[in-house]
Amino acid sequence: MPEVEVSGRGLPDWLAPVRDAAETVEASQLSRFLPPPDGGGRPSAVLVLFGEGKEGPELLLIQRASSLRSHAGQPSFPGGSLDPEDGDPQGDGRLRAALREAEEETGLDPSGVQVFGVLPSLYIPVSGFVVTPVLGWWRRPSPVAPVDPAETARVFTVPVTELTDPANRAMAVHPAGHVGPAFMVGSALVWGFTAGVIDRLLHYAGWERPWDHDRRVPLDWHA
């Protein structure tokens, strides 16, 4: 994959708050789980891809196959571990990995994606991944669908208006007792790392609307 440039030029005006937030936000403002200080963890990246749909701004998500070892069945951003050919795991390799994995999982054309920001790397303790969220603008949308059903069960977009709707917001309760932000969109419950990143992006971009933080839903919620 050719070199990937990070550029905020030519973005739609509505994306400016996300771009600006990405330039100043710190890892501790996004999550309490930070990368191990000794440099441990598996380097990985996800693509947080914003597009313009029929209902306005939207995010691209996938649902992971239920047979996978890590995060089976969860809605998530496209992404995965860095491969050696991606290059420097502390630099551009994260950008290439996010685009490569998104192409492998959804079939999107990476040349139609403009990377406009990179969030600080975060840690997922349950799987040991050190994840860098890469922010993209879907400048030239391309058809998407699961490439390998053994890895990806579904590819779908979620309007930002649904994510900001207080009626779709709650705190998900894990069987182990952990509680974290969740979004009830369509038939999907978005929770865990993905929901945490979306929650903080909405907050720091100024898109968040007041919602009931005392509302609880189980992980097996469905519409």
Protein backbone atom coordinates (compact mmCIF):
# COMPACT_ATOMS: atom_id res chain seq x y z
CA MET A 1 0.00 0.00 0.00
CA PRO A 2 1.39 3.46 -0.89
CA GLU A 3 2.28 6.06 1.69
CA VAL A 4 -0.72 7.42 3.56
CA GLU A 5 -0.96 11.16 4.18
CA VAL A 6 -2.86 12.68 7.09
CA SER A 7 -4.67 15.75 5.79
CA GLY A 8 -7.59 17.86 6.91
CA ARG A 9 -7.86 19.71 3.61
CA GLY A 10 -11.22 19.73 1.88
CA LEU A 11 -13.20 18.11 4.67
CA PRO A 12 -16.92 18.90 4.94
CA ASP A 13 -17.61 21.57 7.54
CA TRP A 14 -19.45 19.17 9.83
CA LEU A 15 -16.29 17.10 10.30
CA ALA A 16 -14.23 20.06 11.54
CA PRO A 17 -15.14 19.47 15.23
CA VAL A 18 -13.90 15.88 14.99
CA ARG A 19 -10.68 16.96 13.28
CA ASP A 20 -10.08 19.65 15.91
CA ALA A 21 -10.79 17.28 18.80
CA ALA A 22 -8.33 14.73 17.41
CA GLU A 23 -5.56 17.33 17.41
CA THR A 24 -5.80 18.01 21.15
CA VAL A 25 -7.38 15.01 22.90
CA GLU A 26 -5.15 12.89 25.14
CA ALA A 27 -5.33 9.14 25.67
CA SER A 28 -6.44 9.54 29.29
CA GLN A 29 -9.43 11.55 28.07
CA LEU A 30 -10.53 8.66 25.87
CA SER A 31 -10.06 5.66 28.15
CA ARG A 32 -8.69 4.57 31.51
CA PHE A 33 -6.98 1.67 29.74
CA LEU A 34 -3.68 2.98 28.41
CA PRO A 35 -0.92 1.08 26.59
CA PRO A 36 1.52 -0.75 28.87
CA PRO A 37 4.46 1.51 29.75
CA ASP A 38 6.89 -1.27 28.85
CA GLY A 39 5.73 -1.19 25.25
CA GLY A 40 3.88 -4.51 25.46
CA GLY A 41 0.67 -5.42 23.69
CA ARG A 42 -0.14 -6.29 20.07
CA PRO A 43 -0.03 -3.18 17.82
CA SER A 44 -3.28 -2.79 15.90
CA ALA A 45 -5.39 -0.11 14.27
CA VAL A 46 -9.03 0.53 13.46
CA LEU A 47 -10.60 2.79 10.85
CA VAL A 48 -13.14 5.24 12.22
CA LEU A 49 -14.70 6.09 8.87
CA PHE A 50 -17.18 8.94 8.49
CA GLY A 51 -19.31 9.15 5.37
CA GLU A 52 -22.26 11.12 4.05
CA GLY A 53 -25.37 8.95 3.77
CA LYS A 54 -29.02 9.49 2.91
CA GLU A 55 -29.66 10.53 6.52
CA GLY A 56 -26.58 12.73 6.79
CA PRO A 57 -23.24 11.94 8.45
CA GLU A 58 -22.72 8.27 9.26
CA LEU A 59 -20.11 5.82 10.59
CA LEU A 60 -19.05 2.52 9.02
CA LEU A 61 -19.16 -0.50 11.34
CA ILE A 62 -18.84 -4.25 11.02
CA GLN A 63 -20.15 -7.12 13.08
CA ARG A 64 -17.47 -9.65 13.81
CA ALA A 65 -18.23 -13.32 13.12
CA SER A 66 -19.43 -15.30 16.12
CA SER A 67 -16.73 -17.92 15.53
CA LEU A 68 -13.76 -15.59 16.12
CA ARG A 69 -11.56 -16.02 19.18
CA SER A 70 -11.41 -12.32 20.09
CA HIS A 71 -14.51 -10.10 20.48
CA ALA A 72 -16.75 -12.63 18.70
CA GLY A 73 -20.06 -11.28 17.45
CA GLN A 74 -19.35 -7.69 18.50
CA PRO A 75 -20.07 -4.66 16.33
CA SER A 76 -16.80 -2.83 15.84
CA PHE A 77 -14.78 -0.56 13.61
CA PRO A 78 -12.97 -2.32 10.76
CA GLY A 79 -9.41 -3.07 11.78
CA GLY A 80 -6.90 -5.51 13.19
CA SER A 81 -3.29 -6.25 13.95
CA LEU A 82 -0.40 -4.67 12.11
CA ASP A 83 1.42 -6.89 9.61
CA PRO A 84 5.17 -6.56 8.95
CA GLU A 85 4.49 -5.07 5.51
CA ASP A 86 2.50 -2.24 7.12
CA GLY A 87 5.73 -0.73 8.40
CA ASP A 88 6.53 1.25 11.54
CA PRO A 89 4.01 0.36 14.31
CA GLN A 90 4.69 3.75 15.90
CA GLY A 91 4.20 5.68 12.68
CA ASP A 92 2.58 5.31 9.26
CA GLY A 93 2.20 1.56 9.73
CA ARG A 94 -0.90 2.18 11.81
CA LEU A 95 -2.52 4.15 8.98
CA ARG A 96 -1.75 1.49 6.40
CA ALA A 97 -2.99 -1.26 8.71
CA ALA A 98 -6.31 0.48 9.33
CA LEU A 99 -6.95 0.91 5.59
CA ARG A 100 -5.67 -2.56 4.68
CA GLU A 101 -7.80 -4.28 7.30
CA ALA A 102 -10.87 -2.26 6.29
CA GLU A 103 -10.38 -3.33 2.69
CA GLU A 104 -9.89 -6.98 3.68
CA GLU A 105 -13.00 -6.99 5.87
CA THR A 106 -15.45 -4.81 3.92
CA GLY A 107 -14.09 -4.58 0.38
CA LEU A 108 -13.94 -0.77 0.45
CA ASP A 109 -11.55 1.03 -1.89
CA PRO A 110 -8.84 2.65 0.28
CA SER A 111 -8.08 5.23 -2.41
CA GLY A 112 -11.47 6.80 -1.67
CA VAL A 113 -10.62 7.36 2.01
CA GLN A 114 -8.95 10.54 3.24
CA VAL A 115 -7.21 10.05 6.59
CA PHE A 116 -7.67 13.30 8.50
CA GLY A 117 -6.59 12.43 12.02
CA VAL A 118 -5.17 9.87 14.40
CA LEU A 119 -6.28 9.39 18.00
CA PRO A 120 -3.91 8.32 20.78
CA SER A 121 -3.35 4.58 21.10
CA LEU A 122 -5.47 2.78 23.69
CA TYR A 123 -5.36 -0.65 25.33
CA ILE A 124 -7.86 -3.52 25.35
CA PRO A 125 -6.86 -5.62 28.38
CA VAL A 126 -9.04 -8.65 27.53
CA SER A 127 -7.24 -9.25 24.23
CA GLY A 128 -3.93 -7.45 24.79
CA PHE A 129 -4.30 -5.19 21.75
CA VAL A 130 -2.81 -1.69 21.65
CA VAL A 131 -5.24 0.00 19.28
CA THR A 132 -4.77 3.22 17.32
CA PRO A 133 -8.05 4.72 16.01
CA VAL A 134 -7.43 6.23 12.57
CA LEU A 135 -10.00 8.85 11.48
CA GLY A 136 -11.11 8.82 7.87
CA TRP A 137 -13.44 10.75 5.56
CA TRP A 138 -15.12 8.57 2.93
CA ARG A 139 -14.47 11.05 0.15
CA ARG A 140 -15.37 8.58 -2.63
CA PRO A 141 -17.67 5.87 -1.25
CA SER A 142 -17.36 2.38 -2.69
CA PRO A 143 -19.53 -0.72 -2.30
CA VAL A 144 -18.99 -2.66 0.94
CA ALA A 145 -20.00 -6.13 2.10
CA PRO A 146 -18.43 -8.93 4.17
CA VAL A 147 -15.41 -10.25 2.29
CA ASP A 148 -14.92 -13.35 4.44
CA PRO A 149 -18.02 -14.48 6.39
CA ALA A 150 -15.72 -16.43 8.70
CA GLU A 151 -14.38 -13.08 9.93
CA THR A 152 -17.11 -10.53 9.22
CA ALA A 153 -20.80 -11.30 9.66
CA ARG A 154 -22.15 -7.92 8.56
CA VAL A 155 -21.06 -4.51 7.27
CA PHE A 156 -23.35 -1.57 7.99
CA THR A 157 -23.48 2.18 8.46
CA VAL A 158 -25.02 4.05 11.39
CA PRO A 159 -26.26 7.64 11.05
CA VAL A 160 -24.63 9.97 13.55
CA THR A 161 -28.12 11.23 14.43
CA GLU A 162 -28.93 7.74 15.74
CA LEU A 163 -25.75 7.69 17.82
CA THR A 164 -26.54 11.07 19.37
CA ASP A 165 -30.21 10.26 20.01
CA PRO A 166 -30.63 9.96 23.82
CA ALA A 167 -33.23 7.20 23.26
CA ASN A 168 -30.46 5.01 21.79
CA ARG A 169 -27.98 5.52 24.63
CA ALA A 170 -27.40 3.46 27.77
CA MET A 171 -24.70 1.81 29.85
CA ALA A 172 -24.04 -1.83 28.98
CA VAL A 173 -23.56 -4.25 31.86
CA HIS A 174 -21.04 -7.04 31.29
CA PRO A 175 -21.68 -10.37 33.08
CA ALA A 176 -18.45 -9.75 35.01
CA GLY A 177 -19.94 -6.52 36.35
CA HIS A 178 -18.15 -4.02 34.13
CA VAL A 179 -20.27 -1.09 32.95
CA GLY A 180 -19.57 1.08 29.91
CA PRO A 181 -21.26 3.25 27.25
CA ALA A 182 -23.47 1.53 24.70
CA PHE A 183 -25.52 2.47 21.65
CA MET A 184 -28.71 0.66 20.62
CA VAL A 185 -28.81 1.22 16.86
CA GLY A 186 -31.04 -0.86 14.63
CA SER A 187 -30.73 -4.43 15.81
CA ALA A 188 -27.19 -3.94 17.13
CA LEU A 189 -25.86 -3.14 20.57
CA VAL A 190 -22.57 -1.32 20.13
CA TRP A 191 -20.51 -1.62 23.33
CA GLY A 192 -16.97 -2.13 24.60
CA PHE A 193 -13.98 -0.42 22.99
CA THR A 194 -15.94 0.74 19.92
CA ALA A 195 -18.71 2.35 21.95
CA GLY A 196 -16.15 3.99 24.23
CA VAL A 197 -14.39 5.66 21.30
CA ILE A 198 -17.68 6.80 19.76
CA ASP A 199 -18.85 8.13 23.13
CA ARG A 200 -15.72 10.23 23.60
CA LEU A 201 -15.70 11.47 19.99
CA LEU A 202 -19.29 12.66 20.32
CA HIS A 203 -18.39 14.37 23.58
CA TYR A 204 -15.25 16.19 22.45
CA ALA A 205 -16.72 17.10 19.05
CA GLY A 206 -19.60 18.79 20.86
CA TRP A 207 -22.20 16.46 19.32
CA GLU A 208 -23.28 14.73 22.53
CA ARG A 209 -26.83 15.31 23.72
CA PRO A 210 -27.89 14.84 27.36
CA TRP A 211 -28.79 11.20 28.01
CA ASP A 212 -29.63 8.95 30.95
CA HIS A 213 -26.37 7.55 32.33
CA ASP A 214 -28.34 5.48 34.84
CA ARG A 215 -30.05 3.45 32.13
CA ARG A 216 -28.67 -0.12 32.02
CA VAL A 217 -28.91 -2.78 29.30
CA PRO A 218 -27.48 -6.34 29.21
CA LEU A 219 -25.06 -7.40 26.48
CA ASP A 220 -27.71 -9.69 25.01
CA TRP A 221 -29.98 -6.73 24.27
CA HIS A 222 -31.71 -6.81 20.91
CA ALA A 223 -34.43 -4.69 19.35
